[in-house]
């Protein structure tokens, strides 16, 4: 009965993703957080998916905005591949229901953590590519996920990453700039996981996580911006 329910859950997820895996174990791997296993987890697939996603979005923007310069296209791509955007796609795909986490990570709310959900979207992209080895199959799937958001992206100078936006927000109000401190690094390069604290005067310390110091800092800055916007 449990196996039957598991297969049904996998089938529903595959339907939401829009792809039927020839190797179902790849989907399982793409959903497995490093808290479950340091060797059998989604991080290698995430590494691959991150690069593939960047290329797919860059190709789309290049064709969709033929008159825009490189700087604006770069900011538009950054907006579409940042953690917040990936978190929205993860929610659309209802990935939180399918994440494979350790008991401790589950209890701490990991299945709703935006950084984990964003990483999982990238790992699924990597898994699809490994399964089919065909970009012409992968690209329309990814762009279908992005369909609700592509019409709302505007080629303006306002499309900046969270760290840049936070710095500008604080500078405009003549406040001290944020301080970022690495508090934990797990794993060995290139499969490392960073935790970074972001401190802003007058606010609680916020923790960001990511597969690089830069990604962890961006995640922390994004959370600080949310606090400031409340």
N, C-alpha and C. Protein backbone atom coordinates (compact mmCIF):
# COMPACT_ATOMS: atom_id res chain seq x y z
N UNK A 1 0.83 -1.20 0.00
CA UNK A 1 0.00 0.00 0.00
C UNK A 1 0.86 1.25 0.00
N UNK A 2 1.94 1.25 0.83
CA UNK A 2 2.83 2.40 0.91
C UNK A 2 3.53 2.61 -0.43
N UNK A 3 4.00 1.49 -1.05
CA UNK A 3 4.67 1.60 -2.34
C UNK A 3 3.73 2.15 -3.40
N UNK A 4 2.48 1.69 -3.35
CA UNK A 4 1.48 2.16 -4.32
C UNK A 4 1.25 3.66 -4.15
N UNK A 5 1.16 4.12 -2.89
CA UNK A 5 0.97 5.55 -2.65
C UNK A 5 2.18 6.34 -3.13
N UNK A 6 3.38 5.78 -2.89
CA UNK A 6 4.61 6.45 -3.31
C UNK A 6 4.65 6.61 -4.83
N UNK A 7 4.29 5.55 -5.54
CA UNK A 7 4.29 5.59 -7.00
C UNK A 7 3.26 6.60 -7.52
N UNK A 8 2.11 6.65 -6.85
CA UNK A 8 1.08 7.61 -7.24
C UNK A 8 1.57 9.03 -7.03
N UNK A 9 2.26 9.26 -5.89
CA UNK A 9 2.81 10.58 -5.60
C UNK A 9 3.84 10.98 -6.64
N UNK A 10 4.71 10.02 -7.02
CA UNK A 10 5.72 10.29 -8.05
C UNK A 10 5.08 10.59 -9.39
N UNK A 11 4.02 9.85 -9.72
CA UNK A 11 3.33 10.07 -10.99
C UNK A 11 2.70 11.45 -11.04
N UNK A 12 2.12 11.88 -9.93
CA UNK A 12 1.51 13.21 -9.88
C UNK A 12 2.56 14.30 -10.00
N UNK A 13 3.71 14.10 -9.34
CA UNK A 13 4.78 15.09 -9.43
C UNK A 13 5.30 15.15 -10.87
N UNK A 14 5.51 13.99 -11.49
CA UNK A 14 5.99 13.96 -12.88
C UNK A 14 5.02 14.69 -13.80
N UNK A 15 3.72 14.55 -13.52
CA UNK A 15 2.71 15.24 -14.31
C UNK A 15 2.82 16.75 -14.14
N UNK A 16 3.04 17.21 -12.89
CA UNK A 16 3.19 18.66 -12.65
C UNK A 16 4.46 19.19 -13.29
N UNK A 17 5.52 18.39 -13.24
CA UNK A 17 6.79 18.80 -13.84
C UNK A 17 6.66 18.86 -15.36
N UNK A 18 5.89 17.93 -15.90
CA UNK A 18 5.71 17.87 -17.35
C UNK A 18 6.71 16.97 -18.04
N UNK A 19 7.22 15.99 -17.29
CA UNK A 19 8.21 15.08 -17.86
C UNK A 19 8.11 13.71 -17.19
N UNK A 20 8.14 12.66 -18.00
CA UNK A 20 8.12 11.30 -17.49
C UNK A 20 9.53 10.72 -17.53
N UNK A 21 10.08 10.43 -16.38
CA UNK A 21 11.46 9.95 -16.30
C UNK A 21 11.58 8.50 -16.78
N UNK A 22 12.59 8.27 -17.63
CA UNK A 22 12.93 6.90 -18.01
C UNK A 22 13.68 6.21 -16.86
N UNK A 23 14.38 7.04 -16.07
CA UNK A 23 15.10 6.54 -14.89
C UNK A 23 14.51 7.23 -13.66
N UNK A 24 13.46 6.66 -13.06
CA UNK A 24 12.78 7.30 -11.93
C UNK A 24 13.69 7.60 -10.74
N UNK A 25 14.79 6.83 -10.64
CA UNK A 25 15.70 7.06 -9.53
C UNK A 25 16.35 8.44 -9.60
N UNK A 26 16.42 9.01 -10.80
CA UNK A 26 16.98 10.35 -10.93
C UNK A 26 16.07 11.40 -10.28
N UNK A 27 14.77 11.20 -10.41
CA UNK A 27 13.84 12.12 -9.75
C UNK A 27 13.96 12.00 -8.24
N UNK A 28 14.10 10.76 -7.74
CA UNK A 28 14.29 10.56 -6.31
C UNK A 28 15.55 11.26 -5.81
N UNK A 29 16.62 11.14 -6.60
CA UNK A 29 17.88 11.78 -6.23
C UNK A 29 17.73 13.30 -6.23
N UNK A 30 16.99 13.82 -7.19
CA UNK A 30 16.79 15.27 -7.30
C UNK A 30 16.00 15.84 -6.13
N UNK A 31 15.28 14.99 -5.44
CA UNK A 31 14.45 15.43 -4.31
C UNK A 31 15.12 15.20 -2.96
N UNK A 32 16.30 14.57 -2.97
CA UNK A 32 16.95 14.15 -1.73
C UNK A 32 17.94 15.20 -1.21
N UNK A 33 17.63 15.77 -0.06
CA UNK A 33 18.46 16.81 0.56
C UNK A 33 19.71 16.20 1.20
N UNK A 34 20.76 17.00 1.31
CA UNK A 34 22.02 16.50 1.86
C UNK A 34 21.90 16.11 3.33
N UNK A 35 20.85 16.54 4.02
CA UNK A 35 20.66 16.14 5.41
C UNK A 35 20.36 14.64 5.52
N UNK A 36 19.91 14.04 4.42
CA UNK A 36 19.60 12.60 4.40
C UNK A 36 20.87 11.79 4.15
N UNK A 37 21.70 12.28 3.21
CA UNK A 37 22.93 11.57 2.87
C UNK A 37 23.94 12.57 2.30
N UNK A 38 25.19 12.47 2.76
CA UNK A 38 26.23 13.35 2.25
C UNK A 38 26.70 12.91 0.86
N UNK A 39 26.42 11.67 0.48
CA UNK A 39 26.86 11.16 -0.82
C UNK A 39 25.70 11.07 -1.81
N UNK A 40 24.54 10.60 -1.34
CA UNK A 40 23.39 10.41 -2.21
C UNK A 40 22.43 11.58 -1.98
N UNK A 41 22.66 12.68 -2.69
CA UNK A 41 21.78 13.86 -2.55
C UNK A 41 21.76 14.64 -3.86
N UNK A 42 20.99 15.71 -3.88
CA UNK A 42 20.74 16.43 -5.14
C UNK A 42 21.81 17.42 -5.56
N UNK A 43 22.89 17.57 -4.81
CA UNK A 43 23.79 18.69 -5.03
C UNK A 43 24.50 18.67 -6.39
N UNK A 44 24.90 17.48 -6.85
CA UNK A 44 25.55 17.41 -8.18
C UNK A 44 24.55 17.75 -9.29
N UNK A 45 23.33 17.27 -9.15
CA UNK A 45 22.30 17.60 -10.13
C UNK A 45 21.97 19.09 -10.08
N UNK A 46 21.98 19.66 -8.88
CA UNK A 46 21.73 21.10 -8.72
C UNK A 46 22.81 21.91 -9.44
N UNK A 47 24.06 21.49 -9.30
CA UNK A 47 25.19 22.14 -9.97
C UNK A 47 24.96 22.17 -11.48
N UNK A 48 24.55 21.03 -12.03
CA UNK A 48 24.29 20.94 -13.46
C UNK A 48 23.07 21.78 -13.85
N UNK A 49 22.00 21.66 -13.06
CA UNK A 49 20.77 22.37 -13.36
C UNK A 49 20.93 23.88 -13.32
N UNK A 50 21.77 24.37 -12.41
CA UNK A 50 22.02 25.81 -12.31
C UNK A 50 22.57 26.36 -13.62
N UNK A 51 23.54 25.65 -14.20
CA UNK A 51 24.14 26.10 -15.46
C UNK A 51 23.14 25.99 -16.61
N UNK A 52 22.39 24.90 -16.64
CA UNK A 52 21.41 24.71 -17.70
C UNK A 52 20.32 25.78 -17.64
N UNK A 53 19.85 26.09 -16.44
CA UNK A 53 18.82 27.10 -16.28
C UNK A 53 19.31 28.46 -16.77
N UNK A 54 20.52 28.82 -16.39
CA UNK A 54 21.08 30.09 -16.83
C UNK A 54 21.14 30.19 -18.35
N UNK A 55 21.53 29.09 -19.00
CA UNK A 55 21.62 29.07 -20.45
C UNK A 55 20.24 29.17 -21.10
N UNK A 56 19.26 28.43 -20.56
CA UNK A 56 17.90 28.44 -21.12
C UNK A 56 17.28 29.83 -21.02
N UNK A 57 17.42 30.46 -19.85
CA UNK A 57 16.85 31.79 -19.66
C UNK A 57 17.59 32.82 -20.51
N UNK A 58 18.92 32.71 -20.60
CA UNK A 58 19.70 33.63 -21.42
C UNK A 58 19.28 33.52 -22.89
N UNK A 59 19.08 32.31 -23.36
CA UNK A 59 18.67 32.09 -24.75
C UNK A 59 17.28 32.69 -25.01
N UNK A 60 16.37 32.50 -24.04
CA UNK A 60 15.03 33.05 -24.17
C UNK A 60 15.08 34.59 -24.24
N UNK A 61 15.81 35.21 -23.32
CA UNK A 61 15.88 36.67 -23.27
C UNK A 61 16.56 37.24 -24.51
N UNK A 62 17.58 36.56 -25.00
CA UNK A 62 18.29 37.01 -26.20
C UNK A 62 17.33 37.11 -27.39
N UNK A 63 16.45 36.12 -27.49
CA UNK A 63 15.49 36.10 -28.60
C UNK A 63 14.30 37.02 -28.36
N UNK A 64 13.86 37.10 -27.10
CA UNK A 64 12.65 37.88 -26.78
C UNK A 64 12.90 39.38 -26.76
N UNK A 65 14.15 39.80 -26.47
CA UNK A 65 14.47 41.23 -26.35
C UNK A 65 15.67 41.56 -27.24
N UNK A 66 15.45 41.58 -28.56
CA UNK A 66 16.57 41.77 -29.51
C UNK A 66 17.25 43.13 -29.44
N UNK A 67 16.60 44.12 -28.83
CA UNK A 67 17.21 45.46 -28.80
C UNK A 67 17.86 45.80 -27.46
N UNK A 68 17.74 44.92 -26.48
CA UNK A 68 18.30 45.21 -25.15
C UNK A 68 19.80 44.93 -25.10
N UNK A 69 20.53 45.72 -24.32
CA UNK A 69 21.97 45.52 -24.21
C UNK A 69 22.30 44.42 -23.19
N UNK A 70 23.58 44.08 -23.17
CA UNK A 70 24.03 42.95 -22.33
C UNK A 70 23.76 43.19 -20.85
N UNK A 71 23.96 44.43 -20.39
CA UNK A 71 23.77 44.73 -18.98
C UNK A 71 22.35 44.49 -18.52
N UNK A 72 21.39 44.96 -19.31
CA UNK A 72 19.98 44.78 -18.93
C UNK A 72 19.57 43.32 -19.05
N UNK A 73 20.04 42.65 -20.09
CA UNK A 73 19.72 41.22 -20.23
C UNK A 73 20.27 40.43 -19.04
N UNK A 74 21.45 40.80 -18.56
CA UNK A 74 22.06 40.13 -17.41
C UNK A 74 21.21 40.32 -16.16
N UNK A 75 20.71 41.54 -15.95
CA UNK A 75 19.88 41.79 -14.77
C UNK A 75 18.53 41.08 -14.88
N UNK A 76 18.00 41.01 -16.08
CA UNK A 76 16.73 40.29 -16.28
C UNK A 76 16.91 38.80 -15.97
N UNK A 77 18.03 38.25 -16.46
CA UNK A 77 18.30 36.83 -16.18
C UNK A 77 18.46 36.61 -14.68
N UNK A 78 19.18 37.51 -14.02
CA UNK A 78 19.39 37.36 -12.58
C UNK A 78 18.06 37.36 -11.83
N UNK A 79 17.13 38.18 -12.28
CA UNK A 79 15.81 38.24 -11.65
C UNK A 79 15.07 36.92 -11.80
N UNK A 80 15.19 36.29 -12.97
CA UNK A 80 14.44 35.07 -13.25
C UNK A 80 15.06 33.82 -12.63
N UNK A 81 16.35 33.85 -12.34
CA UNK A 81 16.98 32.65 -11.78
C UNK A 81 17.31 32.78 -10.29
N UNK A 82 16.96 33.92 -9.69
CA UNK A 82 17.28 34.09 -8.28
C UNK A 82 16.38 33.21 -7.41
N UNK A 83 16.76 33.09 -6.16
CA UNK A 83 16.09 32.18 -5.23
C UNK A 83 14.59 32.44 -5.13
N UNK A 84 14.22 33.71 -5.07
CA UNK A 84 12.81 34.06 -4.92
C UNK A 84 11.97 33.54 -6.08
N UNK A 85 12.49 33.71 -7.32
CA UNK A 85 11.77 33.23 -8.50
C UNK A 85 11.67 31.71 -8.51
N UNK A 86 12.76 31.05 -8.17
CA UNK A 86 12.77 29.59 -8.13
C UNK A 86 11.84 29.06 -7.04
N UNK A 87 11.76 29.80 -5.94
CA UNK A 87 10.85 29.42 -4.86
C UNK A 87 9.40 29.43 -5.32
N UNK A 88 9.05 30.43 -6.14
CA UNK A 88 7.69 30.51 -6.67
C UNK A 88 7.40 29.33 -7.58
N UNK A 89 8.36 28.95 -8.41
CA UNK A 89 8.17 27.81 -9.30
C UNK A 89 8.04 26.53 -8.50
N UNK A 90 8.86 26.40 -7.45
CA UNK A 90 8.76 25.23 -6.58
C UNK A 90 7.37 25.12 -5.96
N UNK A 91 6.82 26.25 -5.56
CA UNK A 91 5.46 26.25 -5.00
C UNK A 91 4.43 25.88 -6.06
N UNK A 92 4.61 26.38 -7.27
CA UNK A 92 3.70 26.02 -8.36
C UNK A 92 3.71 24.51 -8.61
N UNK A 93 4.90 23.92 -8.51
CA UNK A 93 5.05 22.47 -8.74
C UNK A 93 4.74 21.64 -7.48
N UNK A 94 4.47 22.33 -6.38
CA UNK A 94 4.16 21.69 -5.10
C UNK A 94 5.29 20.74 -4.67
N UNK A 95 6.52 21.23 -4.79
CA UNK A 95 7.68 20.39 -4.47
C UNK A 95 7.80 20.10 -2.98
N UNK A 96 7.29 20.99 -2.13
CA UNK A 96 7.43 20.79 -0.68
C UNK A 96 6.82 19.47 -0.23
N UNK A 97 5.82 18.98 -0.98
CA UNK A 97 5.16 17.72 -0.63
C UNK A 97 6.04 16.51 -0.92
N UNK A 98 7.05 16.70 -1.79
CA UNK A 98 7.82 15.56 -2.27
C UNK A 98 9.28 15.55 -1.82
N UNK A 99 9.73 16.61 -1.13
CA UNK A 99 11.12 16.66 -0.68
C UNK A 99 11.46 15.50 0.24
N UNK A 100 12.66 14.98 0.09
CA UNK A 100 13.14 13.91 0.96
C UNK A 100 14.17 14.53 1.91
N UNK A 101 13.77 14.72 3.16
CA UNK A 101 14.59 15.41 4.16
C UNK A 101 14.82 14.52 5.37
N UNK A 102 15.86 14.84 6.13
CA UNK A 102 16.07 14.14 7.40
C UNK A 102 14.97 14.57 8.39
N UNK A 103 14.81 13.79 9.44
CA UNK A 103 13.79 14.12 10.45
C UNK A 103 14.05 15.49 11.06
N UNK A 104 15.32 15.79 11.34
CA UNK A 104 15.67 17.08 11.93
C UNK A 104 15.36 18.24 11.00
N UNK A 105 15.70 18.08 9.73
CA UNK A 105 15.44 19.13 8.74
C UNK A 105 13.95 19.32 8.54
N UNK A 106 13.22 18.23 8.58
CA UNK A 106 11.77 18.29 8.42
C UNK A 106 11.14 19.05 9.59
N UNK A 107 11.60 18.75 10.80
CA UNK A 107 11.06 19.40 11.99
C UNK A 107 11.37 20.89 12.02
N UNK A 108 12.49 21.27 11.41
CA UNK A 108 12.89 22.69 11.43
C UNK A 108 12.23 23.47 10.29
N UNK A 109 11.34 22.81 9.56
CA UNK A 109 10.61 23.50 8.49
C UNK A 109 11.32 23.53 7.16
N UNK A 110 12.23 22.60 6.96
CA UNK A 110 13.01 22.58 5.72
C UNK A 110 12.18 22.44 4.46
N UNK A 111 11.03 21.78 4.57
CA UNK A 111 10.21 21.57 3.37
C UNK A 111 9.55 22.87 2.88
N UNK A 112 9.63 23.92 3.70
CA UNK A 112 9.11 25.22 3.27
C UNK A 112 10.22 26.26 3.11
N UNK A 113 11.48 25.84 3.31
CA UNK A 113 12.59 26.79 3.22
C UNK A 113 12.87 27.12 1.76
N UNK A 114 12.84 28.42 1.45
CA UNK A 114 12.97 28.85 0.06
C UNK A 114 14.27 28.40 -0.57
N UNK A 115 15.36 28.41 0.18
CA UNK A 115 16.66 28.02 -0.39
C UNK A 115 16.65 26.56 -0.82
N UNK A 116 16.03 25.70 -0.01
CA UNK A 116 15.97 24.28 -0.34
C UNK A 116 15.05 24.06 -1.55
N UNK A 117 13.93 24.74 -1.57
CA UNK A 117 12.99 24.61 -2.69
C UNK A 117 13.64 25.09 -4.00
N UNK A 118 14.37 26.20 -3.92
CA UNK A 118 15.05 26.72 -5.12
C UNK A 118 16.11 25.75 -5.61
N UNK A 119 16.88 25.20 -4.68
CA UNK A 119 17.91 24.21 -5.06
C UNK A 119 17.27 23.00 -5.73
N UNK A 120 16.10 22.60 -5.24
CA UNK A 120 15.43 21.42 -5.78
C UNK A 120 14.94 21.65 -7.20
N UNK A 121 14.47 22.86 -7.50
CA UNK A 121 14.07 23.17 -8.87
C UNK A 121 15.27 22.96 -9.80
N UNK A 122 16.43 23.48 -9.40
CA UNK A 122 17.63 23.33 -10.22
C UNK A 122 18.04 21.87 -10.34
N UNK A 123 17.92 21.12 -9.27
CA UNK A 123 18.32 19.71 -9.32
C UNK A 123 17.39 18.91 -10.24
N UNK A 124 16.11 19.26 -10.28
CA UNK A 124 15.17 18.58 -11.18
C UNK A 124 15.53 18.89 -12.63
N UNK A 125 15.92 20.14 -12.90
CA UNK A 125 16.37 20.49 -14.25
C UNK A 125 17.57 19.63 -14.64
N UNK A 126 18.52 19.50 -13.71
CA UNK A 126 19.68 18.65 -13.97
C UNK A 126 19.28 17.20 -14.20
N UNK A 127 18.33 16.71 -13.41
CA UNK A 127 17.89 15.32 -13.52
C UNK A 127 17.22 15.05 -14.87
N UNK A 128 16.39 15.98 -15.31
CA UNK A 128 15.73 15.82 -16.61
C UNK A 128 16.76 15.73 -17.72
N UNK A 129 17.77 16.60 -17.65
CA UNK A 129 18.79 16.59 -18.70
C UNK A 129 19.60 15.29 -18.68
N UNK A 130 19.97 14.83 -17.51
CA UNK A 130 20.72 13.56 -17.42
C UNK A 130 19.87 12.41 -17.97
N UNK A 131 18.56 12.47 -17.73
CA UNK A 131 17.66 11.40 -18.17
C UNK A 131 17.47 11.39 -19.68
N UNK A 132 17.37 12.58 -20.28
CA UNK A 132 17.06 12.63 -21.72
C UNK A 132 18.23 13.06 -22.60
N UNK A 133 19.23 13.74 -22.01
CA UNK A 133 20.40 14.25 -22.75
C UNK A 133 19.99 15.06 -23.98
N UNK A 134 18.92 15.85 -23.83
CA UNK A 134 18.39 16.57 -24.98
C UNK A 134 17.86 17.95 -24.55
N UNK A 135 18.58 18.99 -24.92
CA UNK A 135 18.17 20.34 -24.54
C UNK A 135 16.85 20.74 -25.19
N UNK A 136 16.57 20.17 -26.37
CA UNK A 136 15.31 20.51 -27.04
C UNK A 136 14.11 19.94 -26.30
N UNK A 137 14.34 18.94 -25.48
CA UNK A 137 13.28 18.40 -24.60
C UNK A 137 13.19 19.24 -23.34
N UNK A 138 14.34 19.56 -22.76
CA UNK A 138 14.39 20.28 -21.48
C UNK A 138 13.89 21.71 -21.59
N UNK A 139 14.32 22.43 -22.61
CA UNK A 139 14.04 23.87 -22.68
C UNK A 139 12.54 24.20 -22.62
N UNK A 140 11.68 23.57 -23.43
CA UNK A 140 10.26 23.92 -23.35
C UNK A 140 9.62 23.57 -22.01
N UNK A 141 10.13 22.55 -21.34
CA UNK A 141 9.61 22.19 -20.01
C UNK A 141 9.88 23.32 -19.02
N UNK A 142 11.12 23.80 -19.01
CA UNK A 142 11.52 24.87 -18.09
C UNK A 142 10.76 26.15 -18.40
N UNK A 143 10.66 26.49 -19.68
CA UNK A 143 9.96 27.72 -20.06
C UNK A 143 8.47 27.63 -19.75
N UNK A 144 7.92 26.44 -19.77
CA UNK A 144 6.52 26.26 -19.37
C UNK A 144 6.34 26.59 -17.90
N UNK A 145 7.29 26.19 -17.06
CA UNK A 145 7.23 26.54 -15.63
C UNK A 145 7.25 28.06 -15.47
N UNK A 146 8.05 28.73 -16.30
CA UNK A 146 8.24 30.18 -16.17
C UNK A 146 7.13 30.99 -16.84
N UNK A 147 6.25 30.34 -17.56
CA UNK A 147 5.25 31.04 -18.36
C UNK A 147 4.49 32.13 -17.60
N UNK A 148 4.04 31.86 -16.35
CA UNK A 148 3.28 32.91 -15.64
C UNK A 148 4.11 34.15 -15.30
N UNK A 149 5.44 34.03 -15.38
CA UNK A 149 6.31 35.13 -14.92
C UNK A 149 7.02 35.87 -16.04
N UNK A 150 7.11 35.25 -17.21
CA UNK A 150 7.89 35.86 -18.29
C UNK A 150 7.26 37.16 -18.81
N UNK A 151 5.95 37.24 -18.77
CA UNK A 151 5.28 38.46 -19.26
C UNK A 151 5.45 39.64 -18.31
N UNK A 152 5.87 39.35 -17.07
CA UNK A 152 5.96 40.41 -16.07
C UNK A 152 7.38 40.94 -15.89
N UNK A 153 8.31 40.38 -16.66
CA UNK A 153 9.69 40.86 -16.52
C UNK A 153 9.90 42.03 -17.47
N UNK A 154 10.40 43.13 -16.95
CA UNK A 154 10.61 44.32 -17.74
C UNK A 154 12.10 44.63 -17.82
N UNK A 155 12.60 45.00 -19.00
CA UNK A 155 14.03 45.32 -19.15
C UNK A 155 14.37 46.69 -18.59
N UNK A 156 14.36 46.81 -17.27
CA UNK A 156 14.65 48.10 -16.65
C UNK A 156 15.86 47.97 -15.74
N UNK A 157 16.38 49.10 -15.34
CA UNK A 157 17.56 49.10 -14.46
C UNK A 157 17.21 48.70 -13.04
N UNK A 158 15.92 48.51 -12.75
CA UNK A 158 15.52 48.15 -11.40
C UNK A 158 15.73 46.67 -11.09
N UNK A 159 16.04 45.87 -12.13
CA UNK A 159 16.18 44.43 -11.95
C UNK A 159 17.58 44.11 -11.44
N UNK A 160 17.75 44.16 -10.13
CA UNK A 160 19.05 43.94 -9.53
C UNK A 160 18.97 42.84 -8.49
N UNK A 161 20.11 42.25 -8.18
CA UNK A 161 20.14 41.16 -7.21
C UNK A 161 19.87 41.71 -5.80
N UNK A 162 19.48 40.82 -4.85
CA UNK A 162 19.12 41.27 -3.50
C UNK A 162 20.21 42.05 -2.79
N UNK A 163 21.48 41.65 -2.90
CA UNK A 163 22.55 42.38 -2.22
C UNK A 163 22.65 43.81 -2.73
N UNK A 164 22.54 43.98 -4.04
CA UNK A 164 22.61 45.33 -4.60
C UNK A 164 21.42 46.17 -4.15
N UNK A 165 20.23 45.56 -4.17
CA UNK A 165 19.03 46.29 -3.77
C UNK A 165 19.07 46.68 -2.30
N UNK A 166 19.58 45.77 -1.46
CA UNK A 166 19.68 46.06 -0.03
C UNK A 166 20.67 47.18 0.22
N UNK A 167 21.82 47.14 -0.44
CA UNK A 167 22.82 48.19 -0.27
C UNK A 167 22.26 49.55 -0.68
N UNK A 168 21.57 49.59 -1.82
CA UNK A 168 21.00 50.85 -2.29
C UNK A 168 19.91 51.37 -1.35
N UNK A 169 19.12 50.44 -0.82
CA UNK A 169 18.05 50.80 0.12
C UNK A 169 18.66 51.49 1.35
N UNK A 170 19.73 50.89 1.90
CA UNK A 170 20.34 51.43 3.12
C UNK A 170 21.09 52.73 2.83
N UNK A 171 21.78 52.79 1.70
CA UNK A 171 22.51 54.01 1.34
C UNK A 171 21.56 55.20 1.16
N UNK A 172 20.40 54.93 0.55
CA UNK A 172 19.43 56.00 0.32
C UNK A 172 18.91 56.58 1.62
N UNK A 173 18.95 55.78 2.68
CA UNK A 173 18.46 56.22 4.00
C UNK A 173 19.60 56.55 4.94
N UNK A 174 20.81 56.62 4.39
CA UNK A 174 22.01 56.97 5.15
C UNK A 174 22.21 56.04 6.36
N UNK A 175 21.98 54.77 6.14
CA UNK A 175 22.18 53.76 7.18
C UNK A 175 23.45 52.96 6.91
N UNK A 176 23.96 52.31 7.97
CA UNK A 176 25.17 51.49 7.83
C UNK A 176 24.90 50.32 6.87
N UNK A 177 25.92 49.96 6.11
CA UNK A 177 25.78 48.86 5.15
C UNK A 177 25.73 47.52 5.89
N UNK A 178 25.13 46.50 5.27
CA UNK A 178 25.02 45.19 5.92
C UNK A 178 26.38 44.53 6.10
N UNK A 179 26.47 43.69 7.10
CA UNK A 179 27.69 42.92 7.36
C UNK A 179 27.37 41.44 7.16
N UNK A 180 28.16 40.77 6.32
CA UNK A 180 27.95 39.35 6.03
C UNK A 180 29.08 38.54 6.66
N UNK A 181 28.72 37.50 7.41
CA UNK A 181 29.72 36.63 8.03
C UNK A 181 29.39 35.17 7.74
N UNK A 182 30.38 34.44 7.26
CA UNK A 182 30.21 33.00 7.06
C UNK A 182 30.27 32.32 8.42
N UNK A 183 29.22 31.58 8.78
CA UNK A 183 29.19 30.93 10.09
C UNK A 183 29.36 29.41 10.00
N UNK A 184 29.21 28.87 8.79
CA UNK A 184 29.37 27.42 8.65
C UNK A 184 29.62 27.05 7.19
N UNK A 185 30.54 26.12 6.97
CA UNK A 185 30.77 25.55 5.64
C UNK A 185 30.81 24.04 5.80
N UNK A 186 29.94 23.36 5.08
CA UNK A 186 29.89 21.91 5.14
C UNK A 186 30.30 21.32 3.79
N UNK A 187 30.94 20.16 3.84
CA UNK A 187 31.32 19.48 2.61
C UNK A 187 32.65 19.96 2.06
N UNK A 188 33.08 19.30 0.99
CA UNK A 188 34.33 19.64 0.32
C UNK A 188 34.04 20.25 -1.05
N UNK A 189 34.93 21.15 -1.47
CA UNK A 189 34.76 21.77 -2.80
C UNK A 189 34.80 20.67 -3.87
N UNK A 190 33.97 20.74 -4.92
CA UNK A 190 33.05 21.84 -5.23
C UNK A 190 31.64 21.66 -4.66
N UNK A 191 31.45 20.65 -3.82
CA UNK A 191 30.11 20.36 -3.30
C UNK A 191 29.95 20.87 -1.87
N UNK A 192 30.14 22.17 -1.70
CA UNK A 192 30.05 22.76 -0.37
C UNK A 192 28.70 23.43 -0.14
N UNK A 193 28.36 23.58 1.14
CA UNK A 193 27.11 24.24 1.52
C UNK A 193 27.46 25.32 2.55
N UNK A 194 27.10 26.56 2.26
CA UNK A 194 27.48 27.70 3.09
C UNK A 194 26.28 28.23 3.88
N UNK A 195 26.57 28.68 5.11
CA UNK A 195 25.60 29.42 5.90
C UNK A 195 26.22 30.78 6.23
N UNK A 196 25.48 31.84 5.94
CA UNK A 196 25.99 33.19 6.12
C UNK A 196 25.00 34.02 6.93
N UNK A 197 25.51 34.75 7.91
CA UNK A 197 24.68 35.69 8.68
C UNK A 197 24.74 37.05 8.03
N UNK A 198 23.61 37.73 8.01
CA UNK A 198 23.55 39.11 7.53
C UNK A 198 23.05 39.98 8.67
N UNK A 199 23.85 40.99 9.01
CA UNK A 199 23.49 41.88 10.12
C UNK A 199 23.24 43.29 9.59
N UNK A 200 22.08 43.81 9.95
CA UNK A 200 21.70 45.19 9.60
C UNK A 200 21.23 45.87 10.87
N UNK A 201 21.71 47.05 11.13
CA UNK A 201 21.35 47.78 12.35
C UNK A 201 19.83 47.88 12.50
N UNK A 202 19.37 47.53 13.71
CA UNK A 202 17.95 47.65 14.00
C UNK A 202 17.11 46.45 13.63
N UNK A 203 17.74 45.42 13.03
CA UNK A 203 17.00 44.22 12.63
C UNK A 203 17.63 42.98 13.24
N UNK A 204 16.83 41.93 13.35
CA UNK A 204 17.36 40.66 13.83
C UNK A 204 18.34 40.09 12.80
N UNK A 205 19.30 39.32 13.28
CA UNK A 205 20.26 38.68 12.38
C UNK A 205 19.53 37.65 11.53
N UNK A 206 19.82 37.63 10.25
CA UNK A 206 19.17 36.71 9.32
C UNK A 206 20.21 35.74 8.75
N UNK A 207 19.83 34.49 8.61
CA UNK A 207 20.73 33.46 8.08
C UNK A 207 20.35 33.11 6.65
N UNK A 208 21.33 33.04 5.77
CA UNK A 208 21.11 32.60 4.41
C UNK A 208 21.94 31.37 4.11
N UNK A 209 21.44 30.52 3.22
CA UNK A 209 22.14 29.29 2.87
C UNK A 209 22.26 29.17 1.37
N UNK A 210 23.34 28.50 0.91
CA UNK A 210 23.50 28.30 -0.52
C UNK A 210 24.72 27.46 -0.82
N UNK A 211 24.87 27.12 -2.09
CA UNK A 211 25.98 26.26 -2.51
C UNK A 211 27.27 27.04 -2.74
N UNK A 212 27.23 28.34 -2.50
CA UNK A 212 28.43 29.17 -2.52
C UNK A 212 28.23 30.31 -1.53
N UNK A 213 29.33 30.97 -1.17
CA UNK A 213 29.19 32.12 -0.26
C UNK A 213 28.30 33.19 -0.90
N UNK A 214 28.48 33.40 -2.20
CA UNK A 214 27.70 34.43 -2.89
C UNK A 214 26.21 34.12 -2.83
N UNK A 215 25.84 32.86 -3.11
CA UNK A 215 24.43 32.50 -3.09
C UNK A 215 23.86 32.62 -1.68
N UNK A 216 24.66 32.25 -0.67
CA UNK A 216 24.18 32.34 0.71
C UNK A 216 23.98 33.80 1.11
N UNK A 217 24.90 34.66 0.69
CA UNK A 217 24.75 36.10 0.98
C UNK A 217 23.52 36.68 0.28
N UNK A 218 23.30 36.27 -0.96
CA UNK A 218 22.12 36.76 -1.69
C UNK A 218 20.83 36.30 -1.00
N UNK A 219 20.83 35.06 -0.51
CA UNK A 219 19.64 34.53 0.18
C UNK A 219 19.37 35.32 1.45
N UNK A 220 20.44 35.63 2.20
CA UNK A 220 20.28 36.41 3.43
C UNK A 220 19.79 37.82 3.13
N UNK A 221 20.35 38.43 2.10
CA UNK A 221 19.94 39.79 1.72
C UNK A 221 18.47 39.82 1.30
N UNK A 222 18.03 38.77 0.59
CA UNK A 222 16.63 38.70 0.15
C UNK A 222 15.70 38.65 1.36
N UNK A 223 16.09 37.90 2.39
CA UNK A 223 15.26 37.80 3.59
C UNK A 223 15.24 39.12 4.36
N UNK A 224 16.37 39.83 4.39
CA UNK A 224 16.42 41.14 5.04
C UNK A 224 15.48 42.12 4.33
N UNK A 225 15.49 42.09 3.00
CA UNK A 225 14.61 42.97 2.23
C UNK A 225 13.15 42.70 2.55
N UNK A 226 12.81 41.44 2.74
CA UNK A 226 11.42 41.10 3.11
C UNK A 226 11.05 41.71 4.46
N UNK A 227 12.00 41.67 5.41
CA UNK A 227 11.74 42.28 6.72
C UNK A 227 11.54 43.79 6.59
N UNK A 228 12.34 44.42 5.76
CA UNK A 228 12.25 45.87 5.59
C UNK A 228 10.96 46.28 4.89
N UNK A 229 10.43 45.38 4.07
CA UNK A 229 9.21 45.70 3.31
C UNK A 229 7.94 45.44 4.10
N UNK A 230 8.06 44.81 5.26
CA UNK A 230 6.87 44.49 6.06
C UNK A 230 6.27 45.76 6.68
